[in-house]
Amino acid sequence: MITTTNNAAPVVPDIRDIKPPIEIPDGLAWLWWTLGLLAAAAILFALWKWWQKRQTQIAFVPPVPAHIRAKQKLDEALALIAQPKPFVIAVSDTARTYLEERFDFHAPERTTEEFLRELGGTKLLQTEQKESLGNFLASCDLVKFAKHEPGENELRGLHSSALKLVEETTPRAVNPESRT
């Protein structure tokens, strides 16, 4: 429709551009989005469960008992028997560490005299064991600090003393049949 005004040229109405296509929503789009989110949630949940299971497996590694660890270290010390000072240091440190782990007694940080004085006031060991331990530590101190050079038989005797202490103080397993 063309309109005219009195002294003017005819005015032509403005032509509009084509409108973009209208997107017709798919009736199942919400279903696909929901299924995608559920699948992602299931994958995340499965990964979380796997990680939790792995963490519990790592966390529950039972520690090696003190008496077994001490026996292993005493066996390893035998490789040093040709060198008296390193051998005696390994054997005495193993015995002291064992006493600390087994009885919660801080042996490695104390001198032999302090350790034996404090041990004498406790009931952790029997009297014979305390005397044997005192002799053992005194012999070890002679090698470590007085430059005493013992023979192989004496070194094996020190090893046997430490092993005997560990074996005598090893906790006894409770037999489940004896409880009934």
N, C-alpha and C. Protein backbone atom coordinates (compact mmCIF):
# COMPACT_ATOMS: atom_id res chain seq x y z
N MET A 1 0.82 -1.14 0.00
CA MET A 1 0.00 0.00 0.00
C MET A 1 0.88 1.23 0.00
N ILE A 2 0.65 2.05 -0.89
CA ILE A 2 1.44 3.26 -1.08
C ILE A 2 0.59 4.43 -0.64
N THR A 3 1.19 5.26 0.14
CA THR A 3 0.47 6.44 0.61
C THR A 3 1.16 7.68 0.05
N THR A 4 0.43 8.68 -0.11
CA THR A 4 0.99 9.92 -0.63
C THR A 4 0.62 11.05 0.30
N THR A 5 1.46 11.97 0.33
CA THR A 5 1.18 13.17 1.11
C THR A 5 1.09 14.34 0.12
N ASN A 6 0.57 15.46 0.50
CA ASN A 6 0.35 16.56 -0.42
C ASN A 6 1.68 16.98 -1.02
N ASN A 7 2.43 17.45 -1.13
CA ASN A 7 3.57 17.93 -1.87
C ASN A 7 4.76 16.97 -1.79
N ALA A 8 4.62 15.87 -1.37
CA ALA A 8 5.77 14.99 -1.18
C ALA A 8 5.66 13.80 -2.09
N ALA A 9 6.74 13.15 -2.14
CA ALA A 9 6.80 11.95 -2.95
C ALA A 9 6.11 10.81 -2.22
N PRO A 10 5.75 9.86 -2.96
CA PRO A 10 5.05 8.75 -2.28
C PRO A 10 5.99 8.02 -1.31
N VAL A 11 5.50 7.62 -0.15
CA VAL A 11 6.28 6.94 0.90
C VAL A 11 6.02 5.43 0.78
N VAL A 12 7.12 4.71 0.69
CA VAL A 12 7.01 3.26 0.56
C VAL A 12 7.28 2.66 1.96
N PRO A 13 6.45 1.74 2.40
CA PRO A 13 6.71 1.15 3.74
C PRO A 13 8.05 0.37 3.73
N ASP A 14 8.66 0.36 4.86
CA ASP A 14 9.97 -0.27 5.05
C ASP A 14 9.83 -1.79 4.96
N ILE A 15 10.74 -2.45 4.24
CA ILE A 15 10.69 -3.91 4.11
C ILE A 15 11.56 -4.48 5.22
N ARG A 16 11.01 -5.36 5.92
CA ARG A 16 11.74 -6.00 7.03
C ARG A 16 12.52 -7.21 6.54
N ASP A 17 13.63 -7.50 7.31
CA ASP A 17 14.48 -8.63 6.96
C ASP A 17 13.80 -9.92 7.37
N ILE A 18 14.29 -11.01 6.85
CA ILE A 18 13.73 -12.32 7.15
C ILE A 18 14.07 -12.68 8.60
N LYS A 19 13.12 -13.21 9.31
CA LYS A 19 13.34 -13.63 10.70
C LYS A 19 14.12 -14.94 10.71
N PRO A 20 14.99 -15.12 11.75
CA PRO A 20 15.73 -16.38 11.83
C PRO A 20 14.78 -17.53 12.12
N PRO A 21 15.25 -18.74 11.82
CA PRO A 21 14.37 -19.88 12.07
C PRO A 21 14.10 -20.05 13.56
N ILE A 22 12.95 -20.47 13.87
CA ILE A 22 12.56 -20.73 15.25
C ILE A 22 12.90 -22.18 15.57
N GLU A 23 13.64 -22.37 16.71
CA GLU A 23 14.02 -23.72 17.10
C GLU A 23 12.85 -24.36 17.81
N ILE A 24 12.48 -25.48 17.29
CA ILE A 24 11.38 -26.21 17.91
C ILE A 24 12.02 -27.19 18.90
N PRO A 25 11.71 -27.04 20.20
CA PRO A 25 12.36 -27.89 21.18
C PRO A 25 12.00 -29.36 20.99
N ASP A 26 13.05 -30.20 21.17
CA ASP A 26 12.85 -31.64 21.09
C ASP A 26 12.20 -32.07 22.40
N GLY A 27 11.22 -32.83 22.35
CA GLY A 27 10.50 -33.26 23.55
C GLY A 27 11.35 -34.15 24.44
N LEU A 28 12.43 -34.77 23.91
CA LEU A 28 13.25 -35.68 24.69
C LEU A 28 14.58 -35.08 25.10
N ALA A 29 14.85 -33.81 24.83
CA ALA A 29 16.12 -33.18 25.16
C ALA A 29 16.38 -33.23 26.67
N TRP A 30 15.35 -32.95 27.46
CA TRP A 30 15.52 -32.98 28.91
C TRP A 30 15.90 -34.38 29.39
N LEU A 31 15.40 -35.41 28.69
CA LEU A 31 15.73 -36.78 29.06
C LEU A 31 17.21 -37.06 28.80
N TRP A 32 17.75 -36.61 27.66
CA TRP A 32 19.15 -36.83 27.35
C TRP A 32 20.06 -36.10 28.33
N TRP A 33 19.72 -34.89 28.68
CA TRP A 33 20.50 -34.13 29.66
C TRP A 33 20.49 -34.83 31.02
N THR A 34 19.35 -35.32 31.43
CA THR A 34 19.22 -36.02 32.71
C THR A 34 20.04 -37.30 32.71
N LEU A 35 19.96 -38.06 31.61
CA LEU A 35 20.74 -39.29 31.53
C LEU A 35 22.24 -39.00 31.53
N GLY A 36 22.66 -37.94 30.86
CA GLY A 36 24.08 -37.56 30.85
C GLY A 36 24.57 -37.18 32.24
N LEU A 37 23.77 -36.42 32.96
CA LEU A 37 24.14 -36.03 34.32
C LEU A 37 24.18 -37.25 35.25
N LEU A 38 23.24 -38.15 35.11
CA LEU A 38 23.23 -39.37 35.92
C LEU A 38 24.45 -40.24 35.61
N ALA A 39 24.81 -40.35 34.35
CA ALA A 39 26.00 -41.14 33.97
C ALA A 39 27.26 -40.51 34.56
N ALA A 40 27.37 -39.19 34.48
CA ALA A 40 28.54 -38.51 35.05
C ALA A 40 28.58 -38.70 36.56
N ALA A 41 27.43 -38.61 37.22
CA ALA A 41 27.38 -38.82 38.66
C ALA A 41 27.77 -40.25 39.02
N ALA A 42 27.32 -41.22 38.23
CA ALA A 42 27.65 -42.63 38.49
C ALA A 42 29.16 -42.86 38.33
N ILE A 43 29.76 -42.26 37.32
CA ILE A 43 31.21 -42.41 37.12
C ILE A 43 31.97 -41.77 38.28
N LEU A 44 31.56 -40.59 38.69
CA LEU A 44 32.22 -39.93 39.83
C LEU A 44 32.07 -40.75 41.11
N PHE A 45 30.89 -41.31 41.33
CA PHE A 45 30.66 -42.14 42.52
C PHE A 45 31.55 -43.40 42.49
N ALA A 46 31.65 -44.03 41.32
CA ALA A 46 32.47 -45.24 41.19
C ALA A 46 33.94 -44.90 41.44
N LEU A 47 34.42 -43.78 40.91
CA LEU A 47 35.80 -43.35 41.17
C LEU A 47 36.03 -43.07 42.65
N TRP A 48 35.09 -42.43 43.30
CA TRP A 48 35.21 -42.13 44.72
C TRP A 48 35.26 -43.42 45.55
N LYS A 49 34.41 -44.39 45.24
CA LYS A 49 34.42 -45.67 45.96
C LYS A 49 35.74 -46.40 45.75
N TRP A 50 36.26 -46.39 44.52
CA TRP A 50 37.53 -47.03 44.23
C TRP A 50 38.66 -46.37 45.03
N TRP A 51 38.66 -45.05 45.09
CA TRP A 51 39.68 -44.31 45.83
C TRP A 51 39.58 -44.61 47.32
N GLN A 52 38.36 -44.65 47.85
CA GLN A 52 38.17 -44.97 49.27
C GLN A 52 38.68 -46.37 49.59
N LYS A 53 38.39 -47.33 48.75
CA LYS A 53 38.83 -48.72 48.96
C LYS A 53 40.35 -48.80 48.92
N ARG A 54 40.94 -48.07 48.01
CA ARG A 54 42.40 -48.08 47.90
C ARG A 54 43.04 -47.44 49.12
N GLN A 55 42.45 -46.38 49.64
CA GLN A 55 42.98 -45.72 50.82
C GLN A 55 42.90 -46.64 52.05
N THR A 56 41.83 -47.38 52.20
CA THR A 56 41.69 -48.27 53.35
C THR A 56 42.66 -49.43 53.24
N GLN A 57 42.96 -49.89 52.03
CA GLN A 57 43.93 -50.97 51.87
C GLN A 57 45.32 -50.49 52.24
N ILE A 58 45.66 -49.29 51.90
CA ILE A 58 46.97 -48.75 52.22
C ILE A 58 47.07 -48.45 53.71
N ALA A 59 46.01 -47.96 54.30
CA ALA A 59 46.04 -47.53 55.69
C ALA A 59 46.11 -48.70 56.68
N PHE A 60 45.67 -49.87 56.32
CA PHE A 60 45.59 -50.96 57.27
C PHE A 60 46.67 -52.02 57.07
N VAL A 61 47.86 -51.58 56.73
CA VAL A 61 48.98 -52.51 56.64
C VAL A 61 49.44 -52.76 58.08
N PRO A 62 49.32 -54.00 58.55
CA PRO A 62 49.67 -54.24 59.95
C PRO A 62 51.17 -54.07 60.18
N PRO A 63 51.53 -53.42 61.27
CA PRO A 63 52.95 -53.23 61.55
C PRO A 63 53.62 -54.54 61.96
N VAL A 64 54.89 -54.63 61.67
CA VAL A 64 55.66 -55.81 62.06
C VAL A 64 55.90 -55.71 63.57
N PRO A 65 55.59 -56.77 64.32
CA PRO A 65 55.80 -56.72 65.77
C PRO A 65 57.27 -56.44 66.12
N ALA A 66 57.47 -55.82 67.27
CA ALA A 66 58.81 -55.39 67.69
C ALA A 66 59.77 -56.57 67.80
N HIS A 67 59.32 -57.71 68.32
CA HIS A 67 60.23 -58.84 68.50
C HIS A 67 60.68 -59.43 67.16
N ILE A 68 59.81 -59.43 66.17
CA ILE A 68 60.19 -59.95 64.85
C ILE A 68 61.17 -58.99 64.18
N ARG A 69 60.89 -57.69 64.28
CA ARG A 69 61.79 -56.69 63.69
C ARG A 69 63.16 -56.75 64.37
N ALA A 70 63.20 -56.95 65.69
CA ALA A 70 64.47 -57.03 66.42
C ALA A 70 65.26 -58.26 65.99
N LYS A 71 64.58 -59.39 65.83
CA LYS A 71 65.29 -60.60 65.39
C LYS A 71 65.86 -60.43 63.98
N GLN A 72 65.11 -59.76 63.12
CA GLN A 72 65.61 -59.51 61.77
C GLN A 72 66.86 -58.63 61.80
N LYS A 73 66.83 -57.58 62.63
CA LYS A 73 67.98 -56.68 62.71
C LYS A 73 69.18 -57.38 63.33
N LEU A 74 68.93 -58.27 64.30
CA LEU A 74 70.04 -59.02 64.89
C LEU A 74 70.66 -59.97 63.86
N ASP A 75 69.82 -60.58 63.04
CA ASP A 75 70.35 -61.43 61.96
C ASP A 75 71.18 -60.62 60.96
N GLU A 76 70.70 -59.42 60.64
CA GLU A 76 71.44 -58.55 59.72
C GLU A 76 72.77 -58.10 60.32
N ALA A 77 72.81 -57.95 61.65
CA ALA A 77 74.03 -57.50 62.31
C ALA A 77 75.14 -58.54 62.20
N LEU A 78 74.78 -59.80 62.06
CA LEU A 78 75.81 -60.85 61.94
C LEU A 78 76.72 -60.64 60.73
N ALA A 79 76.25 -59.91 59.74
CA ALA A 79 77.09 -59.62 58.57
C ALA A 79 78.25 -58.69 58.94
N LEU A 80 78.14 -58.00 60.08
CA LEU A 80 79.18 -57.05 60.51
C LEU A 80 80.11 -57.65 61.56
N ILE A 81 80.03 -58.95 61.82
CA ILE A 81 80.78 -59.55 62.93
C ILE A 81 82.29 -59.41 62.75
N ALA A 82 82.78 -59.22 61.57
CA ALA A 82 84.21 -59.04 61.33
C ALA A 82 84.67 -57.64 61.75
N GLN A 83 83.73 -56.73 61.95
CA GLN A 83 84.04 -55.36 62.37
C GLN A 83 83.42 -55.16 63.75
N PRO A 84 84.18 -55.31 64.83
CA PRO A 84 83.61 -55.30 66.18
C PRO A 84 82.78 -54.06 66.54
N LYS A 85 83.29 -52.87 66.28
CA LYS A 85 82.56 -51.67 66.71
C LYS A 85 81.23 -51.51 65.97
N PRO A 86 81.17 -51.58 64.63
CA PRO A 86 79.86 -51.49 63.97
C PRO A 86 78.91 -52.62 64.38
N PHE A 87 79.46 -53.81 64.59
CA PHE A 87 78.63 -54.94 65.01
C PHE A 87 77.99 -54.66 66.38
N VAL A 88 78.81 -54.21 67.33
CA VAL A 88 78.31 -53.95 68.69
C VAL A 88 77.32 -52.79 68.68
N ILE A 89 77.57 -51.79 67.89
CA ILE A 89 76.62 -50.66 67.79
C ILE A 89 75.28 -51.16 67.25
N ALA A 90 75.31 -51.99 66.22
CA ALA A 90 74.07 -52.51 65.64
C ALA A 90 73.32 -53.38 66.64
N VAL A 91 74.04 -54.24 67.36
CA VAL A 91 73.38 -55.15 68.31
C VAL A 91 72.81 -54.37 69.49
N SER A 92 73.57 -53.45 70.06
CA SER A 92 73.07 -52.71 71.23
C SER A 92 71.93 -51.76 70.84
N ASP A 93 72.04 -51.13 69.68
CA ASP A 93 70.94 -50.27 69.22
C ASP A 93 69.67 -51.08 68.99
N THR A 94 69.83 -52.28 68.46
CA THR A 94 68.66 -53.14 68.24
C THR A 94 68.02 -53.51 69.57
N ALA A 95 68.82 -53.86 70.56
CA ALA A 95 68.27 -54.22 71.88
C ALA A 95 67.57 -53.02 72.52
N ARG A 96 68.20 -51.87 72.47
CA ARG A 96 67.60 -50.67 73.07
C ARG A 96 66.30 -50.27 72.35
N THR A 97 66.33 -50.32 71.03
CA THR A 97 65.12 -49.98 70.26
C THR A 97 64.00 -50.98 70.54
N TYR A 98 64.36 -52.24 70.66
CA TYR A 98 63.36 -53.26 70.98
C TYR A 98 62.72 -52.98 72.33
N LEU A 99 63.53 -52.66 73.34
CA LEU A 99 62.98 -52.37 74.67
C LEU A 99 62.06 -51.15 74.62
N GLU A 100 62.43 -50.17 73.81
CA GLU A 100 61.58 -48.98 73.69
C GLU A 100 60.24 -49.33 73.04
N GLU A 101 60.28 -50.10 71.96
CA GLU A 101 59.04 -50.44 71.26
C GLU A 101 58.19 -51.42 72.07
N ARG A 102 58.81 -52.37 72.72
CA ARG A 102 58.08 -53.41 73.44
C ARG A 102 57.48 -52.89 74.74
N PHE A 103 58.25 -52.10 75.51
CA PHE A 103 57.81 -51.67 76.83
C PHE A 103 57.54 -50.17 76.91
N ASP A 104 57.65 -49.46 75.80
CA ASP A 104 57.48 -48.00 75.78
C ASP A 104 58.44 -47.35 76.77
N PHE A 105 59.66 -47.83 76.75
CA PHE A 105 60.71 -47.38 77.65
C PHE A 105 61.77 -46.69 76.80
N HIS A 106 62.08 -45.44 77.07
CA HIS A 106 62.95 -44.64 76.20
C HIS A 106 64.41 -44.97 76.45
N ALA A 107 64.85 -46.07 75.90
CA ALA A 107 66.22 -46.54 76.09
C ALA A 107 67.24 -45.86 75.19
N PRO A 108 66.97 -45.62 73.91
CA PRO A 108 68.02 -45.09 73.03
C PRO A 108 68.52 -43.70 73.41
N GLU A 109 67.72 -42.89 74.08
CA GLU A 109 68.14 -41.52 74.39
C GLU A 109 68.96 -41.42 75.66
N ARG A 110 69.10 -42.47 76.42
CA ARG A 110 69.76 -42.41 77.72
C ARG A 110 71.13 -43.08 77.68
N THR A 111 71.96 -42.66 78.62
CA THR A 111 73.22 -43.38 78.80
C THR A 111 72.91 -44.72 79.45
N THR A 112 73.88 -45.61 79.43
CA THR A 112 73.67 -46.92 80.01
C THR A 112 73.34 -46.81 81.49
N GLU A 113 74.05 -45.96 82.23
CA GLU A 113 73.80 -45.81 83.67
C GLU A 113 72.39 -45.28 83.93
N GLU A 114 71.98 -44.24 83.19
CA GLU A 114 70.63 -43.69 83.36
C GLU A 114 69.57 -44.75 83.04
N PHE A 115 69.81 -45.45 81.97
CA PHE A 115 68.86 -46.47 81.53
C PHE A 115 68.72 -47.57 82.58
N LEU A 116 69.85 -48.09 83.07
CA LEU A 116 69.80 -49.18 84.05
C LEU A 116 69.23 -48.71 85.39
N ARG A 117 69.51 -47.47 85.79
CA ARG A 117 68.96 -46.93 87.04
C ARG A 117 67.43 -46.85 86.95
N GLU A 118 66.95 -46.33 85.83
CA GLU A 118 65.50 -46.22 85.67
C GLU A 118 64.84 -47.59 85.50
N LEU A 119 65.51 -48.48 84.81
CA LEU A 119 64.97 -49.83 84.62
C LEU A 119 64.90 -50.58 85.95
N GLY A 120 65.87 -50.31 86.83
CA GLY A 120 65.88 -50.98 88.14
C GLY A 120 64.65 -50.65 88.98
N GLY A 121 64.06 -49.49 88.77
CA GLY A 121 62.87 -49.10 89.54
C GLY A 121 61.57 -49.58 88.93
N THR A 122 61.63 -50.34 87.87
CA THR A 122 60.40 -50.82 87.22
C THR A 122 60.29 -52.33 87.36
N LYS A 123 59.16 -52.85 86.97
CA LYS A 123 58.94 -54.29 86.96
C LYS A 123 58.78 -54.80 85.53
N LEU A 124 59.43 -54.10 84.59
CA LEU A 124 59.33 -54.50 83.19
C LEU A 124 60.05 -55.81 82.92
N LEU A 125 61.18 -56.02 83.59
CA LEU A 125 61.97 -57.23 83.40
C LEU A 125 62.19 -57.90 84.74
N GLN A 126 62.49 -59.18 84.70
CA GLN A 126 62.82 -59.91 85.92
C GLN A 126 64.24 -59.52 86.35
N THR A 127 64.58 -59.83 87.59
CA THR A 127 65.89 -59.45 88.14
C THR A 127 67.03 -60.04 87.33
N GLU A 128 66.91 -61.31 86.93
CA GLU A 128 67.97 -61.94 86.14
C GLU A 128 68.12 -61.26 84.78
N GLN A 129 67.00 -60.87 84.19
CA GLN A 129 67.04 -60.20 82.90
C GLN A 129 67.69 -58.83 83.02
N LYS A 130 67.42 -58.13 84.12
CA LYS A 130 68.04 -56.81 84.33
C LYS A 130 69.55 -56.95 84.49
N GLU A 131 69.99 -57.97 85.23
CA GLU A 131 71.43 -58.19 85.42
C GLU A 131 72.09 -58.55 84.09
N SER A 132 71.45 -59.44 83.33
CA SER A 132 72.00 -59.84 82.04
C SER A 132 72.07 -58.65 81.09
N LEU A 133 71.04 -57.82 81.10
CA LEU A 133 71.02 -56.63 80.26
C LEU A 133 72.12 -55.66 80.67
N GLY A 134 72.33 -55.49 81.97
CA GLY A 134 73.40 -54.62 82.47
C GLY A 134 74.77 -55.10 82.01
N ASN A 135 75.02 -56.40 82.11
CA ASN A 135 76.30 -56.95 81.64
C ASN A 135 76.46 -56.78 80.13
N PHE A 136 75.38 -57.02 79.40
CA PHE A 136 75.39 -56.87 77.95
C PHE A 136 75.75 -55.44 77.56
N LEU A 137 75.05 -54.46 78.16
CA LEU A 137 75.29 -53.05 77.81
C LEU A 137 76.68 -52.60 78.24
N ALA A 138 77.18 -53.10 79.38
CA ALA A 138 78.53 -52.73 79.82
C ALA A 138 79.56 -53.27 78.84
N SER A 139 79.38 -54.50 78.36
CA SER A 139 80.31 -55.07 77.38
C SER A 139 80.26 -54.29 76.07
N CYS A 140 79.06 -53.89 75.66
CA CYS A 140 78.92 -53.10 74.43
C CYS A 140 79.61 -51.74 74.58
N ASP A 141 79.47 -51.12 75.76
CA ASP A 141 80.11 -49.83 75.99
C ASP A 141 81.63 -49.94 75.95
N LEU A 142 82.17 -51.05 76.42
CA LEU A 142 83.62 -51.23 76.34
C LEU A 142 84.11 -51.20 74.90
N VAL A 143 83.36 -51.84 74.03
CA VAL A 143 83.76 -51.86 72.61
C VAL A 143 83.52 -50.50 71.97
N LYS A 144 82.39 -49.87 72.28
CA LYS A 144 82.05 -48.61 71.62
C LYS A 144 82.93 -47.45 72.10
N PHE A 145 83.24 -47.41 73.42
CA PHE A 145 83.89 -46.22 73.95
C PHE A 145 85.32 -46.45 74.45
N ALA A 146 85.68 -47.67 74.83
CA ALA A 146 87.01 -47.92 75.40
C ALA A 146 87.94 -48.61 74.41
N LYS A 147 87.49 -48.74 73.18
CA LYS A 147 88.30 -49.33 72.11
C LYS A 147 88.73 -50.77 72.41
N HIS A 148 87.89 -51.48 73.12
CA HIS A 148 88.15 -52.89 73.40
C HIS A 148 87.91 -53.68 72.11
N GLU A 149 88.81 -54.60 71.77
CA GLU A 149 88.70 -55.41 70.56
C GLU A 149 88.36 -56.85 70.95
N PRO A 150 87.09 -57.20 71.04
CA PRO A 150 86.74 -58.57 71.43
C PRO A 150 86.92 -59.53 70.26
N GLY A 151 87.04 -60.80 70.61
CA GLY A 151 87.14 -61.83 69.58
C GLY A 151 85.76 -62.20 69.07
N GLU A 152 85.74 -63.05 68.06
CA GLU A 152 84.46 -63.43 67.45
C GLU A 152 83.56 -64.17 68.44
N ASN A 153 84.15 -65.00 69.33
CA ASN A 153 83.34 -65.72 70.31
C ASN A 153 82.64 -64.76 71.26
N GLU A 154 83.34 -63.71 71.70
CA GLU A 154 82.74 -62.72 72.58
C GLU A 154 81.63 -61.95 71.86
N LEU A 155 81.86 -61.64 70.60
CA LEU A 155 80.84 -60.93 69.81
C LEU A 155 79.60 -61.81 69.62
N ARG A 156 79.82 -63.09 69.37
CA ARG A 156 78.68 -64.01 69.24
C ARG A 156 77.94 -64.13 70.57
N GLY A 157 78.68 -64.06 71.67
CA GLY A 157 78.05 -64.08 73.00
C GLY A 157 77.16 -62.85 73.21
N LEU A 158 77.63 -61.69 72.76
CA LEU A 158 76.80 -60.47 72.85
C LEU A 158 75.54 -60.62 71.99
N HIS A 159 75.72 -61.17 70.81
CA HIS A 159 74.58 -61.40 69.92
C HIS A 159 73.58 -62.35 70.58
N SER A 160 74.09 -63.41 71.19
CA SER A 160 73.22 -64.38 71.87
C SER A 160 72.49 -63.74 73.04
N SER A 161 73.16 -62.87 73.78
CA SER A 161 72.53 -62.18 74.91
C SER A 161 71.36 -61.31 74.44
N ALA A 162 71.59 -60.59 73.35
CA ALA A 162 70.52 -59.73 72.81
C ALA A 162 69.37 -60.58 72.30
N LEU A 163 69.68 -61.66 71.61
CA LEU A 163 68.63 -62.54 71.09
C LEU A 163 67.86 -63.20 72.23
N LYS A 164 68.56 -63.59 73.29
CA LYS A 164 67.91 -64.21 74.46
C LYS A 164 66.95 -63.21 75.11
N LEU A 165 67.37 -61.94 75.23
CA LEU A 165 66.51 -60.91 75.81
C LEU A 165 65.24 -60.76 75.00
N VAL A 166 65.37 -60.73 73.68
CA VAL A 166 64.20 -60.58 72.82
C VAL A 166 63.28 -61.79 72.96
N GLU A 167 63.86 -62.98 72.96
CA GLU A 167 63.03 -64.19 73.04
C GLU A 167 62.34 -64.32 74.40
N GLU A 168 63.03 -63.92 75.48
CA GLU A 168 62.42 -64.02 76.82
C GLU A 168 61.31 -63.01 77.03
N THR A 169 61.38 -61.88 76.34
CA THR A 169 60.37 -60.84 76.55
C THR A 169 59.35 -60.75 75.43
N THR A 170 59.38 -61.70 74.51
CA THR A 170 58.40 -61.73 73.43
C THR A 170 57.02 -61.97 74.03
N PRO A 171 56.03 -61.18 73.66
CA PRO A 171 54.68 -61.40 74.20
C PRO A 171 54.16 -62.77 73.78
N ARG A 172 53.54 -63.42 74.70
CA ARG A 172 52.99 -64.75 74.43
C ARG A 172 51.62 -64.59 73.79
N ALA A 173 51.38 -65.36 72.75
CA ALA A 173 50.08 -65.34 72.07
C ALA A 173 49.05 -66.03 72.95
N VAL A 174 47.87 -65.46 73.00
CA VAL A 174 46.78 -66.05 73.78
C VAL A 174 46.10 -67.09 72.94
N ASN A 175 46.01 -68.30 73.46
CA ASN A 175 45.36 -69.40 72.76
C ASN A 175 43.84 -69.24 72.89
N PRO A 176 43.07 -69.12 71.80
CA PRO A 176 41.63 -68.91 71.92
C PRO A 176 40.91 -70.07 72.61
N GLU A 177 41.49 -71.28 72.55
CA GLU A 177 40.83 -72.42 73.18
C GLU A 177 40.96 -72.37 74.70
N SER A 178 41.99 -71.67 75.23
CA SER A 178 42.18 -71.62 76.67
C SER A 178 41.21 -70.68 77.35
N ARG A 179 40.53 -69.85 76.61
CA ARG A 179 39.56 -68.89 77.19
C ARG A 179 38.27 -69.57 77.58
N THR A 180 37.93 -70.69 76.97
CA THR A 180 36.65 -71.32 77.24
C THR A 180 36.70 -72.20 78.43
